[in-house]
Amino acid sequence: MRCADETSIGRVLLLTRWQNAGQKALAAELALLAELHAKGALSDEEFSAAKLRTLGD
């Protein structure tokens, strides 16, 4: 479970990344990952790893 600080930091990082070029592509990729996760095509671990790769950890 995440604490409030981690969630806030994650949101700030995500918003900052979206301000860069390619923000629509990034949002689309994250939406696709979320959809696959919600449908059970990605496990929690796979979803987390894919988000990190997408966001350029």
PDB file of N, CA and C in Angstrom:
ATOM      1  N   MET A   1       0.847  -1.181   0.000  1.00  0.00           N
ATOM      2  CA  MET A   1       0.000   0.000   0.000  1.00  0.00           C
ATOM      3  C   MET A   1       0.889   1.241   0.000  1.00  0.00           C
ATOM      4  N   ARG A   2       0.524   2.217  -0.783  1.00  0.00           N
ATOM      5  CA  ARG A   2       1.302   3.450  -0.871  1.00  0.00           C
ATOM      6  C   ARG A   2       0.871   4.439   0.195  1.00  0.00           C
ATOM      7  N   CYS A   3       1.822   5.236   0.651  1.00  0.00           N
ATOM      8  CA  CYS A   3       1.465   6.310   1.572  1.00  0.00           C
ATOM      9  C   CYS A   3       1.092   7.539   0.738  1.00  0.00           C
ATOM     10  N   ALA A   4       0.493   8.502   1.372  1.00  0.00           N
ATOM     11  CA  ALA A   4       0.016   9.703   0.674  1.00  0.00           C
ATOM     12  C   ALA A   4       1.158  10.441  -0.017  1.00  0.00           C
ATOM     13  N   ASP A   5       2.339  10.490   0.609  1.00  0.00           N
ATOM     14  CA  ASP A   5       3.478  11.192   0.018  1.00  0.00           C
ATOM     15  C   ASP A   5       3.911  10.538  -1.287  1.00  0.00           C
ATOM     16  N   GLU A   6       3.963   9.202  -1.324  1.00  0.00           N
ATOM     17  CA  GLU A   6       4.347   8.498  -2.542  1.00  0.00           C
ATOM     18  C   GLU A   6       3.338   8.758  -3.653  1.00  0.00           C
ATOM     19  N   THR A   7       2.077   8.760  -3.296  1.00  0.00           N
ATOM     20  CA  THR A   7       1.032   9.016  -4.286  1.00  0.00           C
ATOM     21  C   THR A   7       1.154  10.433  -4.827  1.00  0.00           C
ATOM     22  N   SER A   8       1.371  11.404  -3.964  1.00  0.00           N
ATOM     23  CA  SER A   8       1.515  12.798  -4.393  1.00  0.00           C
ATOM     24  C   SER A   8       2.741  12.976  -5.278  1.00  0.00           C
ATOM     25  N   ILE A   9       3.842  12.372  -4.894  1.00  0.00           N
ATOM     26  CA  ILE A   9       5.064  12.457  -5.692  1.00  0.00           C
ATOM     27  C   ILE A   9       4.836  11.823  -7.054  1.00  0.00           C
ATOM     28  N   GLY A  10       4.173  10.686  -7.067  1.00  0.00           N
ATOM     29  CA  GLY A  10       3.880  10.015  -8.330  1.00  0.00           C
ATOM     30  C   GLY A  10       3.033  10.874  -9.243  1.00  0.00           C
ATOM     31  N   ARG A  11       2.052  11.548  -8.671  1.00  0.00           N
ATOM     32  CA  ARG A  11       1.193  12.432  -9.471  1.00  0.00           C
ATOM     33  C   ARG A  11       1.981  13.609 -10.028  1.00  0.00           C
ATOM     34  N   VAL A  12       2.850  14.192  -9.220  1.00  0.00           N
ATOM     35  CA  VAL A  12       3.664  15.318  -9.683  1.00  0.00           C
ATOM     36  C   VAL A  12       4.586  14.865 -10.809  1.00  0.00           C
ATOM     37  N   LEU A  13       5.219  13.712 -10.632  1.00  0.00           N
ATOM     38  CA  LEU A  13       6.107  13.205 -11.674  1.00  0.00           C
ATOM     39  C   LEU A  13       5.341  12.912 -12.958  1.00  0.00           C
ATOM     40  N   LEU A  14       4.175  12.342 -12.812  1.00  0.00           N
ATOM     41  CA  LEU A  14       3.353  12.034 -13.978  1.00  0.00           C
ATOM     42  C   LEU A  14       2.932  13.312 -14.699  1.00  0.00           C
ATOM     43  N   LEU A  15       2.495  14.319 -13.959  1.00  0.00           N
ATOM     44  CA  LEU A  15       2.090  15.586 -14.570  1.00  0.00           C
ATOM     45  C   LEU A  15       3.260  16.272 -15.265  1.00  0.00           C
ATOM     46  N   THR A  16       4.424  16.212 -14.652  1.00  0.00           N
ATOM     47  CA  THR A  16       5.614  16.807 -15.255  1.00  0.00           C
ATOM     48  C   THR A  16       5.945  16.115 -16.566  1.00  0.00           C
ATOM     49  N   ARG A  17       5.886  14.803 -16.542  1.00  0.00           N
ATOM     50  CA  ARG A  17       6.182  14.033 -17.757  1.00  0.00           C
ATOM     51  C   ARG A  17       5.184  14.363 -18.863  1.00  0.00           C
ATOM     52  N   TRP A  18       3.917  14.516 -18.512  1.00  0.00           N
ATOM     53  CA  TRP A  18       2.873  14.815 -19.499  1.00  0.00           C
ATOM     54  C   TRP A  18       3.084  16.167 -20.157  1.00  0.00           C
ATOM     55  N   GLN A  19       3.767  17.060 -19.493  1.00  0.00           N
ATOM     56  CA  GLN A  19       3.990  18.384 -20.060  1.00  0.00           C
ATOM     57  C   GLN A  19       5.028  18.347 -21.177  1.00  0.00           C
ATOM     58  N   ASN A  20       5.796  17.292 -21.237  1.00  0.00           N
ATOM     59  CA  ASN A  20       6.810  17.151 -22.279  1.00  0.00           C
ATOM     60  C   ASN A  20       6.164  16.710 -23.592  1.00  0.00           C
ATOM     61  N   ALA A  21       6.957  16.773 -24.646  1.00  0.00           N
ATOM     62  CA  ALA A  21       6.481  16.311 -25.956  1.00  0.00           C
ATOM     63  C   ALA A  21       6.068  14.858 -25.856  1.00  0.00           C
ATOM     64  N   GLY A  22       5.047  14.508 -26.607  1.00  0.00           N
ATOM     65  CA  GLY A  22       4.570  13.140 -26.612  1.00  0.00           C
ATOM     66  C   GLY A  22       3.610  12.812 -25.495  1.00  0.00           C
ATOM     67  N   GLN A  23       3.032  13.836 -24.888  1.00  0.00           N
ATOM     68  CA  GLN A  23       2.167  13.595 -23.739  1.00  0.00           C
ATOM     69  C   GLN A  23       0.950  12.762 -24.094  1.00  0.00           C
ATOM     70  N   LYS A  24       0.423  12.912 -25.286  1.00  0.00           N
ATOM     71  CA  LYS A  24      -0.745  12.128 -25.677  1.00  0.00           C
ATOM     72  C   LYS A  24      -0.382  10.656 -25.822  1.00  0.00           C
ATOM     73  N   ALA A  25       0.784  10.373 -26.369  1.00  0.00           N
ATOM     74  CA  ALA A  25       1.227   8.988 -26.526  1.00  0.00           C
ATOM     75  C   ALA A  25       1.443   8.337 -25.164  1.00  0.00           C
ATOM     76  N   LEU A  26       2.005   9.075 -24.243  1.00  0.00           N
ATOM     77  CA  LEU A  26       2.231   8.556 -22.896  1.00  0.00           C
ATOM     78  C   LEU A  26       0.911   8.246 -22.209  1.00  0.00           C
ATOM     79  N   ALA A  27      -0.024   9.160 -22.303  1.00  0.00           N
ATOM     80  CA  ALA A  27      -1.334   8.948 -21.688  1.00  0.00           C
ATOM     81  C   ALA A  27      -2.032   7.742 -22.301  1.00  0.00           C
ATOM     82  N   ALA A  28      -1.918   7.595 -23.609  1.00  0.00           N
ATOM     83  CA  ALA A  28      -2.543   6.453 -24.284  1.00  0.00           C
ATOM     84  C   ALA A  28      -1.906   5.145 -23.831  1.00  0.00           C
ATOM     85  N   GLU A  29      -0.601   5.133 -23.687  1.00  0.00           N
ATOM     86  CA  GLU A  29       0.097   3.928 -23.233  1.00  0.00           C
ATOM     87  C   GLU A  29      -0.317   3.557 -21.811  1.00  0.00           C
ATOM     88  N   LEU A  30      -0.391   4.543 -20.938  1.00  0.00           N
ATOM     89  CA  LEU A  30      -0.803   4.273 -19.559  1.00  0.00           C
ATOM     90  C   LEU A  30      -2.248   3.797 -19.497  1.00  0.00           C
ATOM     91  N   ALA A  31      -3.100   4.369 -20.326  1.00  0.00           N
ATOM     92  CA  ALA A  31      -4.499   3.939 -20.370  1.00  0.00           C
ATOM     93  C   ALA A  31      -4.607   2.499 -20.846  1.00  0.00           C
ATOM     94  N   LEU A  32      -3.814   2.150 -21.847  1.00  0.00           N
ATOM     95  CA  LEU A  32      -3.821   0.776 -22.343  1.00  0.00           C
ATOM     96  C   LEU A  32      -3.342  -0.189 -21.260  1.00  0.00           C
ATOM     97  N   LEU A  33      -2.281   0.176 -20.572  1.00  0.00           N
ATOM     98  CA  LEU A  33      -1.779  -0.672 -19.490  1.00  0.00           C
ATOM     99  C   LEU A  33      -2.828  -0.846 -18.399  1.00  0.00           C
ATOM    100  N   ALA A  34      -3.491   0.240 -18.033  1.00  0.00           N
ATOM    101  CA  ALA A  34      -4.531   0.169 -17.002  1.00  0.00           C
ATOM    102  C   ALA A  34      -5.677  -0.733 -17.453  1.00  0.00           C
ATOM    103  N   GLU A  35      -6.040  -0.636 -18.720  1.00  0.00           N
ATOM    104  CA  GLU A  35      -7.119  -1.474 -19.249  1.00  0.00           C
ATOM    105  C   GLU A  35      -6.724  -2.952 -19.228  1.00  0.00           C
ATOM    106  N   LEU A  36      -5.513  -3.247 -19.663  1.00  0.00           N
ATOM    107  CA  LEU A  36      -5.039  -4.633 -19.647  1.00  0.00           C
ATOM    108  C   LEU A  36      -4.985  -5.179 -18.225  1.00  0.00           C
ATOM    109  N   HIS A  37      -4.565  -4.348 -17.291  1.00  0.00           N
ATOM    110  CA  HIS A  37      -4.505  -4.754 -15.889  1.00  0.00           C
ATOM    111  C   HIS A  37      -5.909  -5.016 -15.354  1.00  0.00           C
ATOM    112  N   ALA A  38      -6.830  -4.119 -15.654  1.00  0.00           N
ATOM    113  CA  ALA A  38      -8.210  -4.263 -15.181  1.00  0.00           C
ATOM    114  C   ALA A  38      -8.869  -5.523 -15.734  1.00  0.00           C
ATOM    115  N   LYS A  39      -8.499  -5.899 -16.946  1.00  0.00           N
ATOM    116  CA  LYS A  39      -9.072  -7.095 -17.572  1.00  0.00           C
ATOM    117  C   LYS A  39      -8.365  -8.380 -17.150  1.00  0.00           C
ATOM    118  N   GLY A  40      -7.302  -8.247 -16.369  1.00  0.00           N
ATOM    119  CA  GLY A  40      -6.583  -9.418 -15.888  1.00  0.00           C
ATOM    120  C   GLY A  40      -5.496  -9.914 -16.823  1.00  0.00           C
ATOM    121  N   ALA A  41      -5.231  -9.183 -17.893  1.00  0.00           N
ATOM    122  CA  ALA A  41      -4.195  -9.587 -18.838  1.00  0.00           C
ATOM    123  C   ALA A  41      -2.795  -9.320 -18.289  1.00  0.00           C
ATOM    124  N   LEU A  42      -2.689  -8.396 -17.350  1.00  0.00           N
ATOM    125  CA  LEU A  42      -1.423  -8.100 -16.677  1.00  0.00           C
ATOM    126  C   LEU A  42      -1.605  -8.298 -15.182  1.00  0.00           C
ATOM    127  N   SER A  43      -0.647  -8.991 -14.572  1.00  0.00           N
ATOM    128  CA  SER A  43      -0.671  -9.135 -13.115  1.00  0.00           C
ATOM    129  C   SER A  43      -0.290  -7.793 -12.489  1.00  0.00           C
ATOM    130  N   ASP A  44      -0.444  -7.695 -11.177  1.00  0.00           N
ATOM    131  CA  ASP A  44      -0.047  -6.464 -10.477  1.00  0.00           C
ATOM    132  C   ASP A  44       1.427  -6.163 -10.722  1.00  0.00           C
ATOM    133  N   GLU A  45       2.255  -7.204 -10.661  1.00  0.00           N
ATOM    134  CA  GLU A  45       3.696  -7.031 -10.854  1.00  0.00           C
ATOM    135  C   GLU A  45       4.011  -6.589 -12.282  1.00  0.00           C
ATOM    136  N   GLU A  46       3.363  -7.216 -13.258  1.00  0.00           N
ATOM    137  CA  GLU A  46       3.583  -6.841 -14.656  1.00  0.00           C
ATOM    138  C   GLU A  46       3.125  -5.411 -14.915  1.00  0.00           C
ATOM    139  N   PHE A  47       1.997  -5.035 -14.340  1.00  0.00           N
ATOM    140  CA  PHE A  47       1.462  -3.685 -14.499  1.00  0.00           C
ATOM    141  C   PHE A  47       2.421  -2.656 -13.914  1.00  0.00           C
ATOM    142  N   SER A  48       2.916  -2.913 -12.722  1.00  0.00           N
ATOM    143  CA  SER A  48       3.858  -1.981 -12.084  1.00  0.00           C
ATOM    144  C   SER A  48       5.132  -1.838 -12.902  1.00  0.00           C
ATOM    145  N   ALA A  49       5.665  -2.955 -13.371  1.00  0.00           N
ATOM    146  CA  ALA A  49       6.892  -2.921 -14.168  1.00  0.00           C
ATOM    147  C   ALA A  49       6.671  -2.174 -15.482  1.00  0.00           C
ATOM    148  N   ALA A  50       5.546  -2.411 -16.122  1.00  0.00           N
ATOM    149  CA  ALA A  50       5.244  -1.740 -17.388  1.00  0.00           C
ATOM    150  C   ALA A  50       5.079  -0.235 -17.186  1.00  0.00           C
ATOM    151  N   LYS A  51       4.442   0.161 -16.088  1.00  0.00           N
ATOM    152  CA  LYS A  51       4.298   1.596 -15.799  1.00  0.00           C
ATOM    153  C   LYS A  51       5.667   2.235 -15.602  1.00  0.00           C
ATOM    154  N   LEU A  52       6.541   1.561 -14.873  1.00  0.00           N
ATOM    155  CA  LEU A  52       7.879   2.104 -14.646  1.00  0.00           C
ATOM    156  C   LEU A  52       8.632   2.269 -15.960  1.00  0.00           C
ATOM    157  N   ARG A  53       8.545   1.269 -16.830  1.00  0.00           N
ATOM    158  CA  ARG A  53       9.206   1.367 -18.138  1.00  0.00           C
ATOM    159  C   ARG A  53       8.615   2.516 -18.949  1.00  0.00           C
ATOM    160  N   THR A  54       7.309   2.638 -18.937  1.00  0.00           N
ATOM    161  CA  THR A  54       6.632   3.679 -19.711  1.00  0.00           C
ATOM    162  C   THR A  54       6.995   5.074 -19.214  1.00  0.00           C
ATOM    163  N   LEU A  55       7.066   5.216 -17.920  1.00  0.00           N
ATOM    164  CA  LEU A  55       7.368   6.523 -17.327  1.00  0.00           C
ATOM    165  C   LEU A  55       8.854   6.834 -17.321  1.00  0.00           C
ATOM    166  N   GLY A  56       9.670   5.865 -17.710  1.00  0.00           N
ATOM    167  CA  GLY A  56      11.102   6.097 -17.785  1.00  0.00           C
ATOM    168  C   GLY A  56      11.775   6.181 -16.444  1.00  0.00           C
ATOM    169  N   ASP A  57      11.194   5.474 -15.478  1.00  0.00           N
ATOM    170  CA  ASP A  57      11.716   5.422 -14.108  1.00  0.00           C
ATOM    171  C   ASP A  57      13.014   6.136 -14.040  1.00  0.00           C
TER     172      ASP A  57
END
